[in-house]
Amino acid sequence: LKTPADQIYVDEHSVMLPLKLRTWKQGDKIIPFGMKGQKLVSDILIDQKLSVLAKENQLVLTNADGRIIWVLGLKFSEKFRVTSNTENLVQIKALNSLL
């Protein structure tokens, strides 16, 4: 399911509310969609060649347990992906001003 950078779809049963939107912190990790291992958010930001200001202001969306669901506009977590067993989808869309 190919989606624009400003939205993601997650399996309803994989998400625990409340969700939290915050700036990333040193040590934050995510398992990017399609990968098996974890990657530091700081490495993702370096790979994207973002400016220092963009890196400082990068937002992440976390689950109630603190796991990162989405590095907004960049990477989505494998742990929350839609599968063939998914019964209900949740669409999460970011306002363009947040990207």
PDB file of N, CA and C in Angstrom:
ATOM      1  N   LEU A   1       0.855  -1.184   0.000  1.00  0.00           N
ATOM      2  CA  LEU A   1       0.000   0.000   0.000  1.00  0.00           C
ATOM      3  C   LEU A   1       0.894   1.238   0.000  1.00  0.00           C
ATOM      4  N   LYS A   2       0.991   1.907  -1.134  1.00  0.00           N
ATOM      5  CA  LYS A   2       1.833   3.100  -1.267  1.00  0.00           C
ATOM      6  C   LYS A   2       1.019   4.315  -0.839  1.00  0.00           C
ATOM      7  N   THR A   3       1.581   5.088   0.094  1.00  0.00           N
ATOM      8  CA  THR A   3       0.881   6.254   0.604  1.00  0.00           C
ATOM      9  C   THR A   3       1.781   7.478   0.524  1.00  0.00           C
ATOM     10  N   PRO A   4       1.187   8.664   0.499  1.00  0.00           N
ATOM     11  CA  PRO A   4       1.991   9.892   0.519  1.00  0.00           C
ATOM     12  C   PRO A   4       2.777  10.009   1.828  1.00  0.00           C
ATOM     13  N   ALA A   5       3.808  10.856   1.818  1.00  0.00           N
ATOM     14  CA  ALA A   5       4.679  11.007   2.987  1.00  0.00           C
ATOM     15  C   ALA A   5       3.956  11.593   4.186  1.00  0.00           C
ATOM     16  N   ASP A   6       2.783  12.222   3.966  1.00  0.00           N
ATOM     17  CA  ASP A   6       2.086  12.873   5.077  1.00  0.00           C
ATOM     18  C   ASP A   6       1.057  11.980   5.757  1.00  0.00           C
ATOM     19  N   GLN A   7       1.030  10.680   5.392  1.00  0.00           N
ATOM     20  CA  GLN A   7       0.066   9.791   6.043  1.00  0.00           C
ATOM     21  C   GLN A   7       0.574   8.360   6.094  1.00  0.00           C
ATOM     22  N   ILE A   8       0.051   7.642   7.072  1.00  0.00           N
ATOM     23  CA  ILE A   8       0.354   6.220   7.199  1.00  0.00           C
ATOM     24  C   ILE A   8      -0.935   5.489   7.545  1.00  0.00           C
ATOM     25  N   TYR A   9      -0.915   4.181   7.329  1.00  0.00           N
ATOM     26  CA  TYR A   9      -2.005   3.309   7.750  1.00  0.00           C
ATOM     27  C   TYR A   9      -1.420   2.276   8.688  1.00  0.00           C
ATOM     28  N   VAL A  10      -2.103   2.037   9.792  1.00  0.00           N
ATOM     29  CA  VAL A  10      -1.647   1.052  10.762  1.00  0.00           C
ATOM     30  C   VAL A  10      -2.763   0.074  11.070  1.00  0.00           C
ATOM     31  N   ASP A  11      -2.358  -1.075  11.566  1.00  0.00           N
ATOM     32  CA  ASP A  11      -3.313  -2.076  12.024  1.00  0.00           C
ATOM     33  C   ASP A  11      -3.904  -1.577  13.338  1.00  0.00           C
ATOM     34  N   GLU A  12      -5.208  -1.473  13.403  1.00  0.00           N
ATOM     35  CA  GLU A  12      -5.886  -0.956  14.590  1.00  0.00           C
ATOM     36  C   GLU A  12      -5.457  -1.670  15.871  1.00  0.00           C
ATOM     37  N   HIS A  13      -5.234  -2.972  15.782  1.00  0.00           N
ATOM     38  CA  HIS A  13      -4.911  -3.752  16.979  1.00  0.00           C
ATOM     39  C   HIS A  13      -3.459  -3.621  17.418  1.00  0.00           C
ATOM     40  N   SER A  14      -2.617  -3.011  16.585  1.00  0.00           N
ATOM     41  CA  SER A  14      -1.209  -2.850  16.966  1.00  0.00           C
ATOM     42  C   SER A  14      -0.960  -1.549  17.718  1.00  0.00           C
ATOM     43  N   VAL A  15      -1.928  -0.652  17.697  1.00  0.00           N
ATOM     44  CA  VAL A  15      -1.753   0.679  18.286  1.00  0.00           C
ATOM     45  C   VAL A  15      -2.424   0.756  19.651  1.00  0.00           C
ATOM     46  N   MET A  16      -1.697   1.341  20.615  1.00  0.00           N
ATOM     47  CA  MET A  16      -2.252   1.573  21.948  1.00  0.00           C
ATOM     48  C   MET A  16      -2.355   3.077  22.171  1.00  0.00           C
ATOM     49  N   LEU A  17      -3.530   3.513  22.543  1.00  0.00           N
ATOM     50  CA  LEU A  17      -3.742   4.939  22.811  1.00  0.00           C
ATOM     51  C   LEU A  17      -3.352   5.255  24.243  1.00  0.00           C
ATOM     52  N   PRO A  18      -2.948   6.454  24.553  1.00  0.00           N
ATOM     53  CA  PRO A  18      -2.906   7.612  23.667  1.00  0.00           C
ATOM     54  C   PRO A  18      -1.602   7.639  22.865  1.00  0.00           C
ATOM     55  N   LEU A  19      -1.703   8.208  21.663  1.00  0.00           N
ATOM     56  CA  LEU A  19      -0.519   8.449  20.848  1.00  0.00           C
ATOM     57  C   LEU A  19       0.080   9.775  21.281  1.00  0.00           C
ATOM     58  N   LYS A  20       1.385   9.903  21.093  1.00  0.00           N
ATOM     59  CA  LYS A  20       2.058  11.138  21.494  1.00  0.00           C
ATOM     60  C   LYS A  20       2.945  11.619  20.353  1.00  0.00           C
ATOM     61  N   LEU A  21       2.864  12.903  20.071  1.00  0.00           N
ATOM     62  CA  LEU A  21       3.705  13.531  19.059  1.00  0.00           C
ATOM     63  C   LEU A  21       4.757  14.350  19.795  1.00  0.00           C
ATOM     64  N   ARG A  22       6.028  14.092  19.502  1.00  0.00           N
ATOM     65  CA  ARG A  22       7.109  14.796  20.191  1.00  0.00           C
ATOM     66  C   ARG A  22       8.306  14.906  19.263  1.00  0.00           C
ATOM     67  N   THR A  23       9.275  15.739  19.658  1.00  0.00           N
ATOM     68  CA  THR A  23      10.516  15.783  18.905  1.00  0.00           C
ATOM     69  C   THR A  23      11.340  14.562  19.298  1.00  0.00           C
ATOM     70  N   TRP A  24      12.177  14.120  18.376  1.00  0.00           N
ATOM     71  CA  TRP A  24      12.982  12.929  18.628  1.00  0.00           C
ATOM     72  C   TRP A  24      14.051  13.236  19.676  1.00  0.00           C
ATOM     73  N   LYS A  25      14.531  12.167  20.308  1.00  0.00           N
ATOM     74  CA  LYS A  25      15.575  12.289  21.336  1.00  0.00           C
ATOM     75  C   LYS A  25      16.738  11.367  20.972  1.00  0.00           C
ATOM     76  N   GLN A  26      17.930  11.740  21.439  1.00  0.00           N
ATOM     77  CA  GLN A  26      19.088  10.860  21.247  1.00  0.00           C
ATOM     78  C   GLN A  26      18.741   9.479  21.811  1.00  0.00           C
ATOM     79  N   GLY A  27      19.090   8.456  21.069  1.00  0.00           N
ATOM     80  CA  GLY A  27      18.831   7.087  21.511  1.00  0.00           C
ATOM     81  C   GLY A  27      17.517   6.514  21.004  1.00  0.00           C
ATOM     82  N   ASP A  28      16.637   7.354  20.429  1.00  0.00           N
ATOM     83  CA  ASP A  28      15.387   6.846  19.850  1.00  0.00           C
ATOM     84  C   ASP A  28      15.707   5.852  18.742  1.00  0.00           C
ATOM     85  N   LYS A  29      14.941   4.752  18.723  1.00  0.00           N
ATOM     86  CA  LYS A  29      15.129   3.724  17.705  1.00  0.00           C
ATOM     87  C   LYS A  29      13.795   3.352  17.076  1.00  0.00           C
ATOM     88  N   ILE A  30      13.874   2.851  15.854  1.00  0.00           N
ATOM     89  CA  ILE A  30      12.700   2.382  15.131  1.00  0.00           C
ATOM     90  C   ILE A  30      13.135   1.204  14.262  1.00  0.00           C
ATOM     91  N   ILE A  31      12.228   0.293  14.019  1.00  0.00           N
ATOM     92  CA  ILE A  31      12.472  -0.757  13.029  1.00  0.00           C
ATOM     93  C   ILE A  31      11.776  -0.275  11.757  1.00  0.00           C
ATOM     94  N   PRO A  32      12.534   0.295  10.807  1.00  0.00           N
ATOM     95  CA  PRO A  32      11.907   0.837   9.604  1.00  0.00           C
ATOM     96  C   PRO A  32      11.161  -0.229   8.808  1.00  0.00           C
ATOM     97  N   PHE A  33      10.081   0.174   8.171  1.00  0.00           N
ATOM     98  CA  PHE A  33       9.258  -0.719   7.362  1.00  0.00           C
ATOM     99  C   PHE A  33      10.146  -1.489   6.386  1.00  0.00           C
ATOM    100  N   GLY A  34       9.984  -2.810   6.373  1.00  0.00           N
ATOM    101  CA  GLY A  34      10.729  -3.661   5.461  1.00  0.00           C
ATOM    102  C   GLY A  34      12.063  -4.152   6.011  1.00  0.00           C
ATOM    103  N   MET A  35      12.454  -3.676   7.196  1.00  0.00           N
ATOM    104  CA  MET A  35      13.725  -4.089   7.791  1.00  0.00           C
ATOM    105  C   MET A  35      13.473  -5.004   8.983  1.00  0.00           C
ATOM    106  N   LYS A  36      14.486  -5.762   9.359  1.00  0.00           N
ATOM    107  CA  LYS A  36      14.370  -6.640  10.517  1.00  0.00           C
ATOM    108  C   LYS A  36      14.981  -6.004  11.771  1.00  0.00           C
ATOM    109  N   GLY A  37      16.057  -5.246  11.598  1.00  0.00           N
ATOM    110  CA  GLY A  37      16.747  -4.669  12.738  1.00  0.00           C
ATOM    111  C   GLY A  37      16.370  -3.228  13.013  1.00  0.00           C
ATOM    112  N   GLN A  38      16.754  -2.777  14.203  1.00  0.00           N
ATOM    113  CA  GLN A  38      16.475  -1.402  14.609  1.00  0.00           C
ATOM    114  C   GLN A  38      17.471  -0.441  13.987  1.00  0.00           C
ATOM    115  N   LYS A  39      17.025   0.809  13.864  1.00  0.00           N
ATOM    116  CA  LYS A  39      17.886   1.872  13.367  1.00  0.00           C
ATOM    117  C   LYS A  39      17.661   3.088  14.250  1.00  0.00           C
ATOM    118  N   LEU A  40      18.743   3.776  14.580  1.00  0.00           N
ATOM    119  CA  LEU A  40      18.616   5.007  15.351  1.00  0.00           C
ATOM    120  C   LEU A  40      17.950   6.087  14.507  1.00  0.00           C
ATOM    121  N   VAL A  41      17.064   6.837  15.122  1.00  0.00           N
ATOM    122  CA  VAL A  41      16.423   7.954  14.423  1.00  0.00           C
ATOM    123  C   VAL A  41      17.499   8.941  13.970  1.00  0.00           C
ATOM    124  N   SER A  42      18.528   9.150  14.781  1.00  0.00           N
ATOM    125  CA  SER A  42      19.605  10.072  14.396  1.00  0.00           C
ATOM    126  C   SER A  42      20.271   9.625  13.094  1.00  0.00           C
ATOM    127  N   ASP A  43      20.432   8.319  12.886  1.00  0.00           N
ATOM    128  CA  ASP A  43      21.016   7.810  11.639  1.00  0.00           C
ATOM    129  C   ASP A  43      20.073   8.020  10.454  1.00  0.00           C
ATOM    130  N   ILE A  44      18.783   7.884  10.682  1.00  0.00           N
ATOM    131  CA  ILE A  44      17.803   8.136   9.618  1.00  0.00           C
ATOM    132  C   ILE A  44      17.886   9.597   9.186  1.00  0.00           C
ATOM    133  N   LEU A  45      17.998  10.496  10.153  1.00  0.00           N
ATOM    134  CA  LEU A  45      18.068  11.921   9.839  1.00  0.00           C
ATOM    135  C   LEU A  45      19.349  12.256   9.082  1.00  0.00           C
ATOM    136  N   ILE A  46      20.447  11.600   9.449  1.00  0.00           N
ATOM    137  CA  ILE A  46      21.711  11.789   8.727  1.00  0.00           C
ATOM    138  C   ILE A  46      21.574  11.263   7.295  1.00  0.00           C
ATOM    139  N   ASP A  47      20.992  10.069   7.150  1.00  0.00           N
ATOM    140  CA  ASP A  47      20.800   9.473   5.817  1.00  0.00           C
ATOM    141  C   ASP A  47      19.968  10.378   4.912  1.00  0.00           C
ATOM    142  N   GLN A  48      19.004  11.090   5.499  1.00  0.00           N
ATOM    143  CA  GLN A  48      18.122  11.964   4.727  1.00  0.00           C
ATOM    144  C   GLN A  48      18.784  13.304   4.401  1.00  0.00           C
ATOM    145  N   LYS A  49      19.978  13.533   4.962  1.00  0.00           N
ATOM    146  CA  LYS A  49      20.737  14.770   4.728  1.00  0.00           C
ATOM    147  C   LYS A  49      19.928  16.017   5.097  1.00  0.00           C
ATOM    148  N   LEU A  50      19.266  15.940   6.245  1.00  0.00           N
ATOM    149  CA  LEU A  50      18.466  17.069   6.718  1.00  0.00           C
ATOM    150  C   LEU A  50      19.374  18.146   7.295  1.00  0.00           C
ATOM    151  N   SER A  51      18.911  19.382   7.233  1.00  0.00           N
ATOM    152  CA  SER A  51      19.647  20.490   7.830  1.00  0.00           C
ATOM    153  C   SER A  51      19.637  20.334   9.355  1.00  0.00           C
ATOM    154  N   VAL A  52      20.529  21.038  10.029  1.00  0.00           N
ATOM    155  CA  VAL A  52      20.600  20.989  11.485  1.00  0.00           C
ATOM    156  C   VAL A  52      19.257  21.411  12.088  1.00  0.00           C
ATOM    157  N   LEU A  53      18.666  22.467  11.549  1.00  0.00           N
ATOM    158  CA  LEU A  53      17.376  22.945  12.049  1.00  0.00           C
ATOM    159  C   LEU A  53      16.278  21.902  11.841  1.00  0.00           C
ATOM    160  N   ALA A  54      16.254  21.289  10.672  1.00  0.00           N
ATOM    161  CA  ALA A  54      15.248  20.257  10.392  1.00  0.00           C
ATOM    162  C   ALA A  54      15.423  19.063  11.339  1.00  0.00           C
ATOM    163  N   LYS A  55      16.675  18.692  11.606  1.00  0.00           N
ATOM    164  CA  LYS A  55      16.934  17.583  12.536  1.00  0.00           C
ATOM    165  C   LYS A  55      16.434  17.917  13.935  1.00  0.00           C
ATOM    166  N   GLU A  56      16.715  19.135  14.391  1.00  0.00           N
ATOM    167  CA  GLU A  56      16.297  19.547  15.734  1.00  0.00           C
ATOM    168  C   GLU A  56      14.782  19.527  15.899  1.00  0.00           C
ATOM    169  N   ASN A  57      14.062  19.804  14.813  1.00  0.00           N
ATOM    170  CA  ASN A  57      12.605  19.918  14.870  1.00  0.00           C
ATOM    171  C   ASN A  57      11.858  18.679  14.390  1.00  0.00           C
ATOM    172  N   GLN A  58      12.584  17.616  14.053  1.00  0.00           N
ATOM    173  CA  GLN A  58      11.942  16.407  13.533  1.00  0.00           C
ATOM    174  C   GLN A  58      11.023  15.796  14.587  1.00  0.00           C
ATOM    175  N   LEU A  59       9.805  15.491  14.173  1.00  0.00           N
ATOM    176  CA  LEU A  59       8.806  14.910  15.067  1.00  0.00           C
ATOM    177  C   LEU A  59       8.714  13.404  14.894  1.00  0.00           C
ATOM    178  N   VAL A  60       8.377  12.731  15.984  1.00  0.00           N
ATOM    179  CA  VAL A  60       8.072  11.305  15.949  1.00  0.00           C
ATOM    180  C   VAL A  60       6.721  11.090  16.622  1.00  0.00           C
ATOM    181  N   LEU A  61       6.002  10.086  16.148  1.00  0.00           N
ATOM    182  CA  LEU A  61       4.729   9.695  16.742  1.00  0.00           C
ATOM    183  C   LEU A  61       4.974   8.411  17.504  1.00  0.00           C
ATOM    184  N   THR A  62       4.602   8.407  18.794  1.00  0.00           N
ATOM    185  CA  THR A  62       4.833   7.221  19.617  1.00  0.00           C
ATOM    186  C   THR A  62       3.520   6.615  20.088  1.00  0.00           C
ATOM    187  N   ASN A  63       3.581   5.341  20.350  1.00  0.00           N
ATOM    188  CA  ASN A  63       2.508   4.556  20.925  1.00  0.00           C
ATOM    189  C   ASN A  63       2.435   4.860  22.429  1.00  0.00           C
ATOM    190  N   ALA A  64       1.398   4.414  23.087  1.00  0.00           N
ATOM    191  CA  ALA A  64       1.261   4.631  24.532  1.00  0.00           C
ATOM    192  C   ALA A  64       2.436   4.059  25.314  1.00  0.00           C
ATOM    193  N   ASP A  65       3.058   2.998  24.797  1.00  0.00           N
ATOM    194  CA  ASP A  65       4.197   2.396  25.489  1.00  0.00           C
ATOM    195  C   ASP A  65       5.534   3.034  25.112  1.00  0.00           C
ATOM    196  N   GLY A  66       5.488   4.085  24.294  1.00  0.00           N
ATOM    197  CA  GLY A  66       6.703   4.812  23.944  1.00  0.00           C
ATOM    198  C   GLY A  66       7.380   4.356  22.663  1.00  0.00           C
ATOM    199  N   ARG A  67       6.932   3.248  22.081  1.00  0.00           N
ATOM    200  CA  ARG A  67       7.551   2.784  20.832  1.00  0.00           C
ATOM    201  C   ARG A  67       7.224   3.758  19.701  1.00  0.00           C
ATOM    202  N   ILE A  68       8.195   4.019  18.854  1.00  0.00           N
ATOM    203  CA  ILE A  68       7.997   4.945  17.741  1.00  0.00           C
ATOM    204  C   ILE A  68       7.239   4.255  16.619  1.00  0.00           C
ATOM    205  N   ILE A  69       6.132   4.869  16.228  1.00  0.00           N
ATOM    206  CA  ILE A  69       5.320   4.387  15.121  1.00  0.00           C
ATOM    207  C   ILE A  69       5.807   5.002  13.814  1.00  0.00           C
ATOM    208  N   TRP A  70       6.166   6.298  13.870  1.00  0.00           N
ATOM    209  CA  TRP A  70       6.446   7.035  12.637  1.00  0.00           C
ATOM    210  C   TRP A  70       7.412   8.176  12.913  1.00  0.00           C
ATOM    211  N   VAL A  71       8.469   8.254  12.110  1.00  0.00           N
ATOM    212  CA  VAL A  71       9.305   9.446  12.048  1.00  0.00           C
ATOM    213  C   VAL A  71       8.628  10.262  10.952  1.00  0.00           C
ATOM    214  N   LEU A  72       7.869  11.274  11.336  1.00  0.00           N
ATOM    215  CA  LEU A  72       6.967  11.960  10.414  1.00  0.00           C
ATOM    216  C   LEU A  72       7.617  12.315   9.086  1.00  0.00           C
ATOM    217  N   GLY A  73       6.954  11.877   8.017  1.00  0.00           N
ATOM    218  CA  GLY A  73       7.394  12.177   6.669  1.00  0.00           C
ATOM    219  C   GLY A  73       8.563  11.356   6.168  1.00  0.00           C
ATOM    220  N   LEU A  74       9.158  10.515   7.058  1.00  0.00           N
ATOM    221  CA  LEU A  74      10.373   9.798   6.654  1.00  0.00           C
ATOM    222  C   LEU A  74      10.255   8.290   6.742  1.00  0.00           C
ATOM    223  N   LYS A  75      10.048   7.757   7.935  1.00  0.00           N
ATOM    224  CA  LYS A  75      10.049   6.301   8.134  1.00  0.00           C
ATOM    225  C   LYS A  75       8.906   5.865   9.025  1.00  0.00           C
ATOM    226  N   PHE A  76       8.339   4.718   8.660  1.00  0.00           N
ATOM    227  CA  PHE A  76       7.229   4.102   9.363  1.00  0.00           C
ATOM    228  C   PHE A  76       7.731   2.787   9.970  1.00  0.00           C
ATOM    229  N   SER A  77       7.243   2.430  11.147  1.00  0.00           N
ATOM    230  CA  SER A  77       7.724   1.239  11.844  1.00  0.00           C
ATOM    231  C   SER A  77       7.108  -0.051  11.303  1.00  0.00           C
ATOM    232  N   GLU A  78       7.972  -1.030  11.137  1.00  0.00           N
ATOM    233  CA  GLU A  78       7.573  -2.375  10.728  1.00  0.00           C
ATOM    234  C   GLU A  78       6.591  -2.987  11.735  1.00  0.00           C
ATOM    235  N   LYS A  79       6.728  -2.630  13.008  1.00  0.00           N
ATOM    236  CA  LYS A  79       5.906  -3.214  14.072  1.00  0.00           C
ATOM    237  C   LYS A  79       4.421  -2.855  13.976  1.00  0.00           C
ATOM    238  N   PHE A  80       4.093  -1.811  13.231  1.00  0.00           N
ATOM    239  CA  PHE A  80       2.702  -1.355  13.161  1.00  0.00           C
ATOM    240  C   PHE A  80       2.110  -1.516  11.764  1.00  0.00           C
ATOM    241  N   ARG A  81       2.777  -2.242  10.925  1.00  0.00           N
ATOM    242  CA  ARG A  81       2.366  -2.362   9.530  1.00  0.00           C
ATOM    243  C   ARG A  81       1.058  -3.136   9.358  1.00  0.00           C
ATOM    244  N   VAL A  82       0.439  -2.894   8.243  1.00  0.00           N
ATOM    245  CA  VAL A  82      -0.775  -3.599   7.863  1.00  0.00           C
ATOM    246  C   VAL A  82      -0.361  -4.945   7.272  1.00  0.00           C
ATOM    247  N   THR A  83      -1.049  -6.008   7.683  1.00  0.00           N
ATOM    248  CA  THR A  83      -0.752  -7.348   7.174  1.00  0.00           C
ATOM    249  C   THR A  83      -2.014  -7.959   6.582  1.00  0.00           C
ATOM    250  N   SER A  84      -1.869  -9.165   6.065  1.00  0.00           N
ATOM    251  CA  SER A  84      -3.034  -9.864   5.515  1.00  0.00           C
ATOM    252  C   SER A  84      -4.034 -10.230   6.614  1.00  0.00           C
ATOM    253  N   ASN A  85      -3.610 -10.205   7.868  1.00  0.00           N
ATOM    254  CA  ASN A  85      -4.495 -10.497   8.999  1.00  0.00           C
ATOM    255  C   ASN A  85      -5.187  -9.253   9.548  1.00  0.00           C
ATOM    256  N   THR A  86      -4.841  -8.094   9.033  1.00  0.00           N
ATOM    257  CA  THR A  86      -5.422  -6.840   9.518  1.00  0.00           C
ATOM    258  C   THR A  86      -6.909  -6.798   9.191  1.00  0.00           C
ATOM    259  N   GLU A  87      -7.704  -6.528  10.205  1.00  0.00           N
ATOM    260  CA  GLU A  87      -9.145  -6.415  10.006  1.00  0.00           C
ATOM    261  C   GLU A  87      -9.578  -4.966   9.863  1.00  0.00           C
ATOM    262  N   ASN A  88      -8.975  -4.075  10.652  1.00  0.00           N
ATOM    263  CA  ASN A  88      -9.344  -2.663  10.609  1.00  0.00           C
ATOM    264  C   ASN A  88      -8.096  -1.791  10.499  1.00  0.00           C
ATOM    265  N   LEU A  89      -8.177  -0.828   9.594  1.00  0.00           N
ATOM    266  CA  LEU A  89      -7.087   0.119   9.387  1.00  0.00           C
ATOM    267  C   LEU A  89      -7.360   1.404  10.139  1.00  0.00           C
ATOM    268  N   VAL A  90      -6.283   2.044  10.565  1.00  0.00           N
ATOM    269  CA  VAL A  90      -6.367   3.392  11.119  1.00  0.00           C
ATOM    270  C   VAL A  90      -5.475   4.261  10.238  1.00  0.00           C
ATOM    271  N   GLN A  91      -6.048   5.331   9.719  1.00  0.00           N
ATOM    272  CA  GLN A  91      -5.260   6.276   8.926  1.00  0.00           C
ATOM    273  C   GLN A  91      -4.787   7.386   9.857  1.00  0.00           C
ATOM    274  N   ILE A  92      -3.496   7.674   9.796  1.00  0.00           N
ATOM    275  CA  ILE A  92      -2.918   8.773  10.563  1.00  0.00           C
ATOM    276  C   ILE A  92      -2.329   9.733   9.552  1.00  0.00           C
ATOM    277  N   LYS A  93      -2.780  10.968   9.627  1.00  0.00           N
ATOM    278  CA  LYS A  93      -2.356  11.965   8.651  1.00  0.00           C
ATOM    279  C   LYS A  93      -1.765  13.162   9.388  1.00  0.00           C
ATOM    280  N   ALA A  94      -0.618  13.628   8.910  1.00  0.00           N
ATOM    281  CA  ALA A  94       0.053  14.788   9.501  1.00  0.00           C
ATOM    282  C   ALA A  94      -0.332  16.050   8.737  1.00  0.00           C
ATOM    283  N   LEU A  95      -0.528  17.112   9.458  1.00  0.00           N
ATOM    284  CA  LEU A  95      -0.732  18.393   8.793  1.00  0.00           C
ATOM    285  C   LEU A  95       0.549  18.770   8.079  1.00  0.00           C
ATOM    286  N   ASN A  96       0.441  19.353   6.901  1.00  0.00           N
ATOM    287  CA  ASN A  96       1.628  19.717   6.128  1.00  0.00           C
ATOM    288  C   ASN A  96       2.566  20.618   6.921  1.00  0.00           C
ATOM    289  N   SER A  97       2.024  21.428   7.824  1.00  0.00           N
ATOM    290  CA  SER A  97       2.864  22.332   8.607  1.00  0.00           C
ATOM    291  C   SER A  97       3.764  21.570   9.587  1.00  0.00           C
ATOM    292  N   LEU A  98       3.477  20.294   9.838  1.00  0.00           N
ATOM    293  CA  LEU A  98       4.290  19.489  10.731  1.00  0.00           C
ATOM    294  C   LEU A  98       5.424  18.785  10.008  1.00  0.00           C
ATOM    295  N   LEU A  99       5.334  18.728   8.670  1.00  0.00           N
ATOM    296  CA  LEU A  99       6.355  18.004   7.899  1.00  0.00           C
ATOM    297  C   LEU A  99       7.449  18.912   7.448  1.00  0.00           C
TER     298      LEU A  99
END
